[in-house]
Amino acid sequence: MEAIRLAINNINDYVDPIADGLQKNPRKLSETLAQPQATLVDVRGLLDPDSPTVVNLNQALQQLTQTTRALDSFTDYLERDPSALIRGAYLPKKDR
């Protein structure tokens, strides 16, 4: 009988830490999963069409498009009249 009690106590010594670990792990897992979920919420907020980031990005892209068009027009003009870089654009006398 005494040997059985000692065996049970030895088993309890091993089982108790395992049981504690099993109880703590779901909490840690839950905490660990909460972090990526919070990150996804932040990312969704950034990608919302009305978010300041998206609005500013759209404005920057529109300005970049306008700048590209202006540079395209300027390079076309310089191809037609390269000396304009030195003497300036030609203006007829009536427009001066």
Protein backbone atom coordinates (compact mmCIF):
# COMPACT_ATOMS: atom_id res chain seq x y z
CA MET A 1 0.00 0.00 0.00
CA GLU A 2 2.73 2.42 0.91
CA ALA A 3 4.49 1.72 -2.37
CA ILE A 4 1.30 2.58 -4.28
CA ARG A 5 0.98 5.90 -2.41
CA LEU A 6 4.60 6.76 -3.19
CA ALA A 7 4.06 5.90 -6.85
CA ILE A 8 0.93 8.08 -6.98
CA ASN A 9 2.77 10.96 -5.33
CA ASN A 10 5.62 10.61 -7.85
CA ILE A 11 3.13 10.63 -10.70
CA ASN A 12 1.44 13.71 -9.22
CA ASP A 13 4.81 15.45 -9.08
CA TYR A 14 5.09 14.96 -12.85
CA VAL A 15 1.45 15.56 -13.75
CA ASP A 16 0.97 18.83 -11.81
CA PRO A 17 3.50 20.86 -13.87
CA ILE A 18 2.07 19.42 -17.08
CA ALA A 19 -1.47 20.37 -16.01
CA ASP A 20 -0.31 23.89 -15.09
CA GLY A 21 1.36 24.25 -18.49
CA LEU A 22 -1.78 23.11 -20.28
CA GLN A 23 -3.83 25.70 -18.41
CA LYS A 24 -1.39 28.52 -19.16
CA ASN A 25 -0.87 27.69 -22.83
CA PRO A 26 -4.40 28.56 -24.02
CA ARG A 27 -4.03 32.00 -22.42
CA LYS A 28 -0.64 32.54 -24.05
CA LEU A 29 -1.95 31.27 -27.37
CA SER A 30 -4.90 33.62 -27.10
CA GLU A 31 -2.59 36.55 -26.34
CA THR A 32 -0.31 35.59 -29.21
CA LEU A 33 -3.22 35.43 -31.66
CA ALA A 34 -4.55 38.79 -30.49
CA GLN A 35 -1.41 40.59 -31.72
CA PRO A 36 -1.72 39.59 -35.42
CA GLN A 37 -5.45 40.35 -35.27
CA ALA A 38 -4.69 43.87 -34.03
CA THR A 39 -2.15 44.26 -36.83
CA LEU A 40 -4.73 43.17 -39.41
CA VAL A 41 -7.18 45.74 -38.06
CA ASP A 42 -4.49 48.43 -38.46
CA VAL A 43 -3.72 47.29 -42.01
CA ARG A 44 -7.39 47.29 -42.94
CA GLY A 45 -7.63 50.84 -41.58
CA LEU A 46 -4.70 51.89 -43.75
CA LEU A 47 -6.22 50.32 -46.86
CA ASP A 48 -9.67 51.84 -46.34
CA PRO A 49 -10.41 54.03 -49.40
CA ASP A 50 -11.26 56.98 -47.14
CA SER A 51 -8.17 56.63 -44.93
CA PRO A 52 -5.76 59.58 -44.93
CA THR A 53 -2.98 57.35 -46.24
CA VAL A 54 -4.95 56.27 -49.30
CA VAL A 55 -6.26 59.80 -49.94
CA ASN A 56 -2.73 61.26 -49.72
CA LEU A 57 -1.36 58.51 -51.95
CA ASN A 58 -4.04 59.22 -54.58
CA GLN A 59 -3.24 62.94 -54.46
CA ALA A 60 0.47 62.22 -54.83
CA LEU A 61 -0.21 59.96 -57.82
CA GLN A 62 -2.35 62.67 -59.46
CA GLN A 63 0.42 65.22 -58.95
CA LEU A 64 2.97 62.78 -60.33
CA THR A 65 0.76 62.25 -63.39
CA GLN A 66 0.51 66.02 -63.94
CA THR A 67 4.28 66.40 -63.54
CA THR A 68 4.90 63.59 -66.02
CA ARG A 69 2.61 65.24 -68.57
CA ALA A 70 4.36 68.60 -68.10
CA LEU A 71 7.79 66.99 -68.52
CA ASP A 72 6.57 65.16 -71.61
CA SER A 73 5.37 68.44 -73.11
CA PHE A 74 8.63 70.16 -72.18
CA THR A 75 10.80 67.44 -73.73
CA ASP A 76 8.69 67.53 -76.90
CA TYR A 77 9.25 71.31 -77.12
CA LEU A 78 13.00 70.91 -76.56
CA GLU A 79 13.16 68.28 -79.29
CA ARG A 80 11.60 70.77 -81.70
CA ASP A 81 13.72 73.74 -80.50
CA PRO A 82 16.79 72.67 -78.50
CA SER A 83 18.25 76.19 -78.51
CA ALA A 84 15.37 77.30 -76.30
CA LEU A 85 17.46 76.20 -73.34
CA ILE A 86 20.00 78.90 -74.17
CA ARG A 87 17.94 81.76 -75.60
CA GLY A 88 14.53 81.00 -74.13
CA ALA A 89 11.24 80.28 -75.82
CA TYR A 90 10.45 82.09 -79.05
CA LEU A 91 7.64 84.60 -78.73
CA PRO A 92 6.35 86.51 -81.75
CA LYS A 93 6.72 90.32 -81.50
CA LYS A 94 2.98 90.78 -81.02
CA ASP A 95 3.03 88.51 -77.89
CA ARG A 96 6.04 90.21 -76.23
